[in-house]
Amino acid sequence: MEKISCKRCGQKFESNGASSLCYDCRRKRTPSIYFGIAVTIIILGFIGGIIMGATNKAITYDDDFDSTESFNTNLMIDYWENSIIVAIIICGIGSINYRLNLIIDNKQEK
């Protein structure tokens, strides 16, 4: 085994030539971009749900067929649910990507 320097942090470590990143840098490689996208989607979905609920009024009719407009809570909740589902899917893709990178790193070390 030869000692080489890590491409990311510059720390010297022993490697068999298969990996150019030290063990600490490989462990810190997280799917942060996926997490950031998911948080952004949740925030925008929350705000968008409130805006859409306020602008698309729900029309209700009483016994005399008089209509009243009110805040559309169902539409707001639909936006919130959909943004949470999309964020969970994106976090799942990031987690799978992270685990696949760990598997590749383990195979390269052997």
N, C-alpha and C. Protein backbone atom coordinates (compact mmCIF):
# COMPACT_ATOMS: atom_id res chain seq x y z
N MET A 1 0.84 -1.18 0.00
CA MET A 1 0.00 0.00 0.00
C MET A 1 0.88 1.24 0.00
N GLU A 2 0.50 2.18 -0.81
CA GLU A 2 1.24 3.42 -0.91
C GLU A 2 0.49 4.56 -0.25
N LYS A 3 1.23 5.56 0.18
CA LYS A 3 0.60 6.73 0.80
C LYS A 3 0.40 7.79 -0.28
N ILE A 4 -0.87 8.20 -0.43
CA ILE A 4 -1.19 9.28 -1.36
C ILE A 4 -1.98 10.35 -0.62
N SER A 5 -2.11 11.50 -1.24
CA SER A 5 -2.89 12.57 -0.60
C SER A 5 -4.30 12.58 -1.18
N CYS A 6 -5.25 12.91 -0.34
CA CYS A 6 -6.66 12.95 -0.72
C CYS A 6 -6.88 14.13 -1.67
N LYS A 7 -7.68 13.89 -2.71
CA LYS A 7 -7.96 14.96 -3.68
C LYS A 7 -8.83 16.05 -3.09
N ARG A 8 -9.64 15.72 -2.08
CA ARG A 8 -10.56 16.69 -1.52
C ARG A 8 -9.94 17.50 -0.38
N CYS A 9 -9.33 16.82 0.60
CA CYS A 9 -8.84 17.53 1.78
C CYS A 9 -7.31 17.61 1.85
N GLY A 10 -6.59 16.80 1.06
CA GLY A 10 -5.14 16.84 1.06
C GLY A 10 -4.48 15.99 2.11
N GLN A 11 -5.25 15.28 2.92
CA GLN A 11 -4.70 14.44 3.99
C GLN A 11 -4.03 13.21 3.38
N LYS A 12 -2.88 12.80 3.94
CA LYS A 12 -2.18 11.61 3.48
C LYS A 12 -2.87 10.36 4.04
N PHE A 13 -3.03 9.35 3.20
CA PHE A 13 -3.63 8.10 3.64
C PHE A 13 -3.08 6.96 2.79
N GLU A 14 -3.24 5.74 3.31
CA GLU A 14 -2.76 4.57 2.58
C GLU A 14 -3.85 4.09 1.64
N SER A 15 -3.46 3.84 0.40
CA SER A 15 -4.44 3.42 -0.60
C SER A 15 -3.82 2.35 -1.48
N ASN A 16 -4.70 1.51 -2.00
CA ASN A 16 -4.25 0.49 -2.95
C ASN A 16 -4.36 1.00 -4.39
N GLY A 17 -4.64 2.28 -4.55
CA GLY A 17 -4.73 2.89 -5.87
C GLY A 17 -6.14 2.93 -6.44
N ALA A 18 -7.10 2.34 -5.74
CA ALA A 18 -8.46 2.29 -6.28
C ALA A 18 -9.25 3.55 -5.98
N SER A 19 -8.93 4.22 -4.87
CA SER A 19 -9.68 5.40 -4.49
C SER A 19 -8.74 6.58 -4.27
N SER A 20 -9.18 7.76 -4.68
CA SER A 20 -8.35 8.94 -4.49
C SER A 20 -8.88 9.83 -3.36
N LEU A 21 -9.91 9.36 -2.63
CA LEU A 21 -10.45 10.09 -1.49
C LEU A 21 -10.16 9.32 -0.21
N CYS A 22 -9.83 10.05 0.86
CA CYS A 22 -9.59 9.40 2.14
C CYS A 22 -10.91 8.89 2.73
N TYR A 23 -10.79 8.10 3.75
CA TYR A 23 -11.98 7.48 4.34
C TYR A 23 -12.94 8.54 4.90
N ASP A 24 -12.41 9.59 5.54
CA ASP A 24 -13.27 10.64 6.11
C ASP A 24 -14.04 11.38 5.02
N CYS A 25 -13.40 11.68 3.90
CA CYS A 25 -14.09 12.40 2.82
C CYS A 25 -15.16 11.53 2.17
N ARG A 26 -14.89 10.24 2.07
CA ARG A 26 -15.91 9.35 1.50
C ARG A 26 -17.12 9.25 2.41
N ARG A 27 -16.91 9.26 3.71
CA ARG A 27 -18.04 9.19 4.65
C ARG A 27 -18.82 10.48 4.69
N LYS A 28 -18.15 11.62 4.48
CA LYS A 28 -18.83 12.92 4.53
C LYS A 28 -19.57 13.22 3.24
N ARG A 29 -19.36 12.41 2.22
CA ARG A 29 -20.03 12.64 0.95
C ARG A 29 -21.51 12.29 1.12
N THR A 30 -22.31 13.29 1.32
CA THR A 30 -23.73 13.09 1.60
C THR A 30 -24.57 13.62 0.46
N PRO A 31 -25.80 13.19 0.37
CA PRO A 31 -26.68 13.71 -0.69
C PRO A 31 -27.29 15.05 -0.31
N SER A 32 -26.43 16.02 -0.01
CA SER A 32 -26.93 17.30 0.49
C SER A 32 -27.70 18.07 -0.58
N ILE A 33 -27.35 17.89 -1.85
CA ILE A 33 -28.08 18.60 -2.89
C ILE A 33 -29.53 18.11 -2.95
N TYR A 34 -29.72 16.81 -2.75
CA TYR A 34 -31.08 16.26 -2.75
C TYR A 34 -31.87 16.77 -1.56
N PHE A 35 -31.22 16.83 -0.41
CA PHE A 35 -31.89 17.33 0.79
C PHE A 35 -32.26 18.81 0.62
N GLY A 36 -31.38 19.59 0.02
CA GLY A 36 -31.66 21.00 -0.22
C GLY A 36 -32.83 21.20 -1.18
N ILE A 37 -32.88 20.38 -2.23
CA ILE A 37 -34.00 20.46 -3.17
C ILE A 37 -35.30 20.08 -2.48
N ALA A 38 -35.26 19.04 -1.64
CA ALA A 38 -36.47 18.59 -0.94
C ALA A 38 -36.98 19.67 0.01
N VAL A 39 -36.09 20.31 0.74
CA VAL A 39 -36.51 21.37 1.66
C VAL A 39 -37.09 22.54 0.88
N THR A 40 -36.48 22.88 -0.24
CA THR A 40 -37.00 23.96 -1.08
C THR A 40 -38.40 23.63 -1.59
N ILE A 41 -38.61 22.39 -2.01
CA ILE A 41 -39.94 21.98 -2.50
C ILE A 41 -40.98 22.06 -1.39
N ILE A 42 -40.61 21.66 -0.19
CA ILE A 42 -41.56 21.73 0.93
C ILE A 42 -41.92 23.19 1.23
N ILE A 43 -40.92 24.06 1.26
CA ILE A 43 -41.19 25.48 1.55
C ILE A 43 -42.06 26.10 0.46
N LEU A 44 -41.70 25.86 -0.80
CA LEU A 44 -42.48 26.43 -1.89
C LEU A 44 -43.89 25.83 -1.95
N GLY A 45 -44.02 24.54 -1.63
CA GLY A 45 -45.34 23.91 -1.60
C GLY A 45 -46.21 24.46 -0.48
N PHE A 46 -45.60 24.75 0.66
CA PHE A 46 -46.35 25.33 1.77
C PHE A 46 -46.86 26.73 1.41
N ILE A 47 -45.95 27.55 0.89
CA ILE A 47 -46.35 28.90 0.50
C ILE A 47 -47.33 28.87 -0.66
N GLY A 48 -47.05 28.03 -1.65
CA GLY A 48 -47.95 27.92 -2.81
C GLY A 48 -49.33 27.42 -2.43
N GLY A 49 -49.40 26.51 -1.47
CA GLY A 49 -50.69 26.03 -1.01
C GLY A 49 -51.53 27.12 -0.37
N ILE A 50 -50.89 27.96 0.42
CA ILE A 50 -51.62 29.07 1.04
C ILE A 50 -52.08 30.07 -0.02
N ILE A 51 -51.20 30.36 -0.97
CA ILE A 51 -51.58 31.31 -2.03
C ILE A 51 -52.72 30.76 -2.88
N MET A 52 -52.62 29.50 -3.28
CA MET A 52 -53.67 28.91 -4.12
C MET A 52 -54.98 28.78 -3.35
N GLY A 53 -54.90 28.47 -2.06
CA GLY A 53 -56.12 28.40 -1.26
C GLY A 53 -56.80 29.75 -1.11
N ALA A 54 -56.00 30.81 -1.09
CA ALA A 54 -56.58 32.15 -0.95
C ALA A 54 -57.11 32.69 -2.27
N THR A 55 -56.45 32.35 -3.38
CA THR A 55 -56.88 32.92 -4.66
C THR A 55 -57.99 32.11 -5.32
N ASN A 56 -58.02 30.83 -5.15
CA ASN A 56 -59.08 29.99 -5.72
C ASN A 56 -60.11 29.71 -4.63
N LYS A 57 -61.05 30.57 -4.51
CA LYS A 57 -62.04 30.51 -3.43
C LYS A 57 -62.97 29.30 -3.62
N ALA A 58 -63.34 28.71 -2.52
CA ALA A 58 -64.32 27.62 -2.54
C ALA A 58 -65.71 28.24 -2.48
N ILE A 59 -66.54 27.82 -3.37
CA ILE A 59 -67.91 28.36 -3.42
C ILE A 59 -68.85 27.36 -2.76
N THR A 60 -69.59 27.84 -1.77
CA THR A 60 -70.58 26.99 -1.09
C THR A 60 -71.96 27.62 -1.24
N TYR A 61 -72.94 26.76 -1.30
CA TYR A 61 -74.33 27.21 -1.47
C TYR A 61 -75.13 26.82 -0.25
N ASP A 62 -76.03 27.70 0.18
CA ASP A 62 -76.90 27.38 1.30
C ASP A 62 -78.26 26.92 0.78
N ASP A 63 -79.23 26.81 1.66
CA ASP A 63 -80.56 26.29 1.28
C ASP A 63 -81.28 27.18 0.27
N ASP A 64 -81.01 28.47 0.30
CA ASP A 64 -81.67 29.39 -0.63
C ASP A 64 -80.86 29.59 -1.92
N PHE A 65 -79.88 28.75 -2.14
CA PHE A 65 -78.99 28.82 -3.30
C PHE A 65 -78.22 30.14 -3.38
N ASP A 66 -77.92 30.69 -2.22
CA ASP A 66 -77.05 31.85 -2.15
C ASP A 66 -75.61 31.34 -2.03
N SER A 67 -74.73 31.89 -2.83
CA SER A 67 -73.35 31.41 -2.82
C SER A 67 -72.48 32.29 -1.91
N THR A 68 -71.56 31.66 -1.27
CA THR A 68 -70.55 32.36 -0.48
C THR A 68 -69.19 31.82 -0.85
N GLU A 69 -68.22 32.70 -0.91
CA GLU A 69 -66.85 32.31 -1.22
C GLU A 69 -66.03 32.31 0.06
N SER A 70 -65.20 31.28 0.21
CA SER A 70 -64.35 31.20 1.40
C SER A 70 -63.00 30.60 1.00
N PHE A 71 -62.09 30.62 1.93
CA PHE A 71 -60.75 30.08 1.72
C PHE A 71 -60.85 28.60 1.34
N ASN A 72 -60.12 28.19 0.31
CA ASN A 72 -60.18 26.81 -0.19
C ASN A 72 -59.16 25.95 0.57
N THR A 73 -59.58 25.39 1.68
CA THR A 73 -58.69 24.60 2.52
C THR A 73 -58.31 23.28 1.85
N ASN A 74 -59.23 22.68 1.12
CA ASN A 74 -58.92 21.40 0.46
C ASN A 74 -57.81 21.55 -0.56
N LEU A 75 -57.84 22.60 -1.33
CA LEU A 75 -56.79 22.84 -2.32
C LEU A 75 -55.45 23.08 -1.63
N MET A 76 -55.45 23.82 -0.54
CA MET A 76 -54.22 24.08 0.20
C MET A 76 -53.62 22.78 0.73
N ILE A 77 -54.45 21.92 1.30
CA ILE A 77 -53.96 20.65 1.84
C ILE A 77 -53.46 19.75 0.71
N ASP A 78 -54.10 19.78 -0.45
CA ASP A 78 -53.62 19.01 -1.59
C ASP A 78 -52.22 19.45 -2.00
N TYR A 79 -51.99 20.75 -2.05
CA TYR A 79 -50.65 21.25 -2.38
C TYR A 79 -49.64 20.80 -1.33
N TRP A 80 -49.99 20.88 -0.07
CA TRP A 80 -49.07 20.47 0.99
C TRP A 80 -48.75 18.99 0.89
N GLU A 81 -49.76 18.16 0.69
CA GLU A 81 -49.54 16.71 0.59
C GLU A 81 -48.65 16.37 -0.59
N ASN A 82 -48.93 16.97 -1.74
CA ASN A 82 -48.13 16.67 -2.93
C ASN A 82 -46.69 17.13 -2.79
N SER A 83 -46.46 18.27 -2.17
CA SER A 83 -45.08 18.73 -1.99
C SER A 83 -44.33 17.83 -1.01
N ILE A 84 -45.00 17.34 0.01
CA ILE A 84 -44.33 16.42 0.95
C ILE A 84 -44.01 15.10 0.28
N ILE A 85 -44.91 14.59 -0.55
CA ILE A 85 -44.65 13.32 -1.25
C ILE A 85 -43.47 13.47 -2.20
N VAL A 86 -43.42 14.55 -2.95
CA VAL A 86 -42.31 14.77 -3.88
C VAL A 86 -41.00 14.92 -3.11
N ALA A 87 -41.02 15.63 -1.98
CA ALA A 87 -39.81 15.80 -1.17
C ALA A 87 -39.32 14.48 -0.61
N ILE A 88 -40.23 13.61 -0.19
CA ILE A 88 -39.83 12.29 0.32
C ILE A 88 -39.20 11.46 -0.79
N ILE A 89 -39.75 11.53 -1.99
CA ILE A 89 -39.19 10.79 -3.11
C ILE A 89 -37.78 11.29 -3.43
N ILE A 90 -37.59 12.60 -3.43
CA ILE A 90 -36.27 13.16 -3.72
C ILE A 90 -35.26 12.78 -2.63
N CYS A 91 -35.67 12.80 -1.37
CA CYS A 91 -34.77 12.37 -0.29
C CYS A 91 -34.43 10.89 -0.43
N GLY A 92 -35.39 10.09 -0.85
CA GLY A 92 -35.14 8.67 -1.08
C GLY A 92 -34.13 8.44 -2.19
N ILE A 93 -34.24 9.20 -3.26
CA ILE A 93 -33.27 9.09 -4.36
C ILE A 93 -31.88 9.48 -3.87
N GLY A 94 -31.79 10.54 -3.07
CA GLY A 94 -30.51 10.94 -2.52
C GLY A 94 -29.91 9.89 -1.60
N SER A 95 -30.75 9.26 -0.80
CA SER A 95 -30.28 8.21 0.10
C SER A 95 -29.79 6.99 -0.68
N ILE A 96 -30.52 6.62 -1.72
CA ILE A 96 -30.09 5.49 -2.55
C ILE A 96 -28.77 5.83 -3.24
N ASN A 97 -28.64 7.04 -3.73
CA ASN A 97 -27.40 7.46 -4.38
C ASN A 97 -26.22 7.39 -3.40
N TYR A 98 -26.43 7.84 -2.18
CA TYR A 98 -25.38 7.80 -1.16
C TYR A 98 -24.96 6.37 -0.86
N ARG A 99 -25.92 5.48 -0.70
CA ARG A 99 -25.59 4.09 -0.39
C ARG A 99 -24.90 3.40 -1.57
N LEU A 100 -25.31 3.72 -2.78
CA LEU A 100 -24.63 3.16 -3.94
C LEU A 100 -23.19 3.65 -4.03
N ASN A 101 -22.95 4.90 -3.67
CA ASN A 101 -21.57 5.40 -3.65
C ASN A 101 -20.74 4.67 -2.61
N LEU A 102 -21.33 4.36 -1.45
CA LEU A 102 -20.59 3.60 -0.43
C LEU A 102 -20.27 2.20 -0.92
N ILE A 103 -21.20 1.57 -1.63
CA ILE A 103 -20.95 0.23 -2.17
C ILE A 103 -19.83 0.28 -3.20
N ILE A 104 -19.85 1.29 -4.06
CA ILE A 104 -18.78 1.43 -5.07
C ILE A 104 -17.44 1.65 -4.39
N ASP A 105 -17.40 2.48 -3.34
CA ASP A 105 -16.15 2.72 -2.63
C ASP A 105 -15.63 1.44 -1.97
N ASN A 106 -16.52 0.64 -1.40
CA ASN A 106 -16.10 -0.60 -0.76
C ASN A 106 -15.56 -1.58 -1.80
N LYS A 107 -16.16 -1.63 -2.97
CA LYS A 107 -15.67 -2.53 -4.01
C LYS A 107 -14.33 -2.06 -4.57
N GLN A 108 -14.11 -0.75 -4.63
CA GLN A 108 -12.86 -0.24 -5.14
C GLN A 108 -11.71 -0.50 -4.18
N GLU A 109 -12.01 -0.58 -2.88
CA GLU A 109 -10.95 -0.83 -1.90
C GLU A 109 -10.45 -2.25 -1.95
N LYS A 110 -11.27 -3.18 -2.42
CA LYS A 110 -10.88 -4.60 -2.44
C LYS A 110 -10.01 -4.93 -3.61
